[in-house]
C-alpha atoms as a PDB file:
ATOM      1  CA  MET A   1      40.518  50.375  45.846  1.00  0.00           C
ATOM      2  CA  GLU A   2      42.049  53.056  43.670  1.00  0.00           C
ATOM      3  CA  LEU A   3      40.536  53.474  40.229  1.00  0.00           C
ATOM      4  CA  ASN A   4      43.741  52.672  38.341  1.00  0.00           C
ATOM      5  CA  ILE A   5      44.142  49.385  40.231  1.00  0.00           C
ATOM      6  CA  GLU A   6      40.499  48.470  39.586  1.00  0.00           C
ATOM      7  CA  ILE A   7      40.861  49.148  35.870  1.00  0.00           C
ATOM      8  CA  LEU A   8      44.090  47.171  35.656  1.00  0.00           C
ATOM      9  CA  ALA A   9      42.637  44.246  37.655  1.00  0.00           C
ATOM     10  CA  HIS A  10      39.545  44.136  35.440  1.00  0.00           C
ATOM     11  CA  TYR A  11      41.637  44.168  32.274  1.00  0.00           C
ATOM     12  CA  LEU A  12      44.085  41.513  33.473  1.00  0.00           C
ATOM     13  CA  ALA A  13      41.288  39.245  34.725  1.00  0.00           C
ATOM     14  CA  GLN A  14      40.202  38.806  31.106  1.00  0.00           C
ATOM     15  CA  GLU A  15      43.668  37.843  29.835  1.00  0.00           C
ATOM     16  CA  LYS A  16      45.290  34.417  29.771  1.00  0.00           C
ATOM     17  CA  ALA A  17      48.208  33.923  32.127  1.00  0.00           C
ATOM     18  CA  HIS A  18      51.117  31.538  31.971  1.00  0.00           C
ATOM     19  CA  ILE A  19      53.017  31.295  35.240  1.00  0.00           C
ATOM     20  CA  LEU A  20      56.180  29.274  35.764  1.00  0.00           C
ATOM     21  CA  PHE A  21      57.922  28.285  38.970  1.00  0.00           C
ATOM     22  CA  PRO A  22      61.261  26.967  37.686  1.00  0.00           C
ATOM     23  CA  ASP A  23      62.524  25.814  41.098  1.00  0.00           C
ATOM     24  CA  LEU A  24      59.298  24.112  42.185  1.00  0.00           C
ATOM     25  CA  LYS A  25      59.958  20.417  42.777  1.00  0.00           C
ATOM     26  CA  LEU A  26      56.354  19.246  43.360  1.00  0.00           C
ATOM     27  CA  ASN A  27      53.430  19.153  40.974  1.00  0.00           C
ATOM     28  CA  SER A  28      49.991  20.465  41.912  1.00  0.00           C
ATOM     29  CA  LYS A  29      48.682  17.021  42.907  1.00  0.00           C
ATOM     30  CA  GLU A  30      51.632  16.447  45.238  1.00  0.00           C
ATOM     31  CA  ILE A  31      51.197  19.876  46.828  1.00  0.00           C
ATOM     32  CA  LEU A  32      47.485  19.268  47.442  1.00  0.00           C
ATOM     33  CA  GLU A  33      48.124  15.804  48.861  1.00  0.00           C
ATOM     34  CA  MET A  34      50.817  17.174  51.167  1.00  0.00           C
ATOM     35  CA  GLN A  35      48.537  19.960  52.427  1.00  0.00           C
ATOM     36  CA  CYS A  36      45.630  17.553  52.928  1.00  0.00           C
ATOM     37  CA  TYR A  37      47.823  15.076  54.794  1.00  0.00           C
ATOM     38  CA  GLN A  38      49.107  17.801  57.108  1.00  0.00           C
ATOM     39  CA  ALA A  39      45.541  18.946  57.812  1.00  0.00           C
ATOM     40  CA  LEU A  40      44.434  15.385  58.548  1.00  0.00           C
ATOM     41  CA  CYS A  41      47.342  14.931  60.959  1.00  0.00           C
ATOM     42  CA  GLN A  42      46.383  18.109  62.802  1.00  0.00           C
ATOM     43  CA  ILE A  43      42.728  17.043  62.949  1.00  0.00           C
ATOM     44  CA  GLN A  44      43.728  13.622  64.253  1.00  0.00           C
ATOM     45  CA  GLN A  45      45.714  15.273  67.052  1.00  0.00           C
ATOM     46  CA  ILE A  46      42.703  17.411  67.949  1.00  0.00           C
ATOM     47  CA  VAL A  47      40.322  14.435  68.018  1.00  0.00           C
ATOM     48  CA  ARG A  48      42.711  12.440  70.211  1.00  0.00           C
ATOM     49  CA  ASP A  49      43.347  15.345  72.617  1.00  0.00           C
ATOM     50  CA  ASP A  50      41.960  14.140  75.957  1.00  0.00           C
ATOM     51  CA  THR A  51      42.398  17.567  77.549  1.00  0.00           C
ATOM     52  CA  LEU A  52      39.372  18.795  75.577  1.00  0.00           C
ATOM     53  CA  GLU A  53      36.512  17.606  77.746  1.00  0.00           C
ATOM     54  CA  ASP A  54      33.440  19.553  76.719  1.00  0.00           C
ATOM     55  CA  PRO A  55      30.644  17.026  76.018  1.00  0.00           C
ATOM     56  CA  GLU A  56      29.465  18.708  72.818  1.00  0.00           C
ATOM     57  CA  CYS A  57      33.031  18.700  71.457  1.00  0.00           C
ATOM     58  CA  PHE A  58      32.754  22.439  70.809  1.00  0.00           C
ATOM     59  CA  GLU A  59      36.471  22.984  71.423  1.00  0.00           C
ATOM     60  CA  ARG A  60      37.444  20.156  69.080  1.00  0.00           C
ATOM     61  CA  ILE A  61      35.160  21.426  66.332  1.00  0.00           C
ATOM     62  CA  GLU A  62      36.440  24.973  66.772  1.00  0.00           C
ATOM     63  CA  ARG A  63      40.055  23.823  66.513  1.00  0.00           C
ATOM     64  CA  ILE A  64      39.293  21.744  63.407  1.00  0.00           C
ATOM     65  CA  ILE A  65      37.683  24.785  61.796  1.00  0.00           C
ATOM     66  CA  CYS A  66      40.841  26.753  62.615  1.00  0.00           C
ATOM     67  CA  VAL A  67      42.913  24.140  60.762  1.00  0.00           C
ATOM     68  CA  PHE A  68      40.842  24.707  57.640  1.00  0.00           C
ATOM     69  CA  GLU A  69      40.989  28.488  58.059  1.00  0.00           C
ATOM     70  CA  GLN A  70      44.798  28.328  58.274  1.00  0.00           C
ATOM     71  CA  MET A  71      44.824  26.421  54.996  1.00  0.00           C
ATOM     72  CA  GLY A  72      42.749  29.130  53.372  1.00  0.00           C
END
């Protein structure tokens, strides 16, 4: 990272921030619940997928991990 960006990032990390999203219709709880619900729906589809036949469920586990990775 360039020195000027590092200095600026370090300085700003110590400051208070106040961020507004004037057009945002959901609050943080609603956003989290929506994201969690979507992840659970995807996981449910993976668990119910009969085309994944490996006995150790490796493919299912791998796909579930991918769901979480996509969510960050």
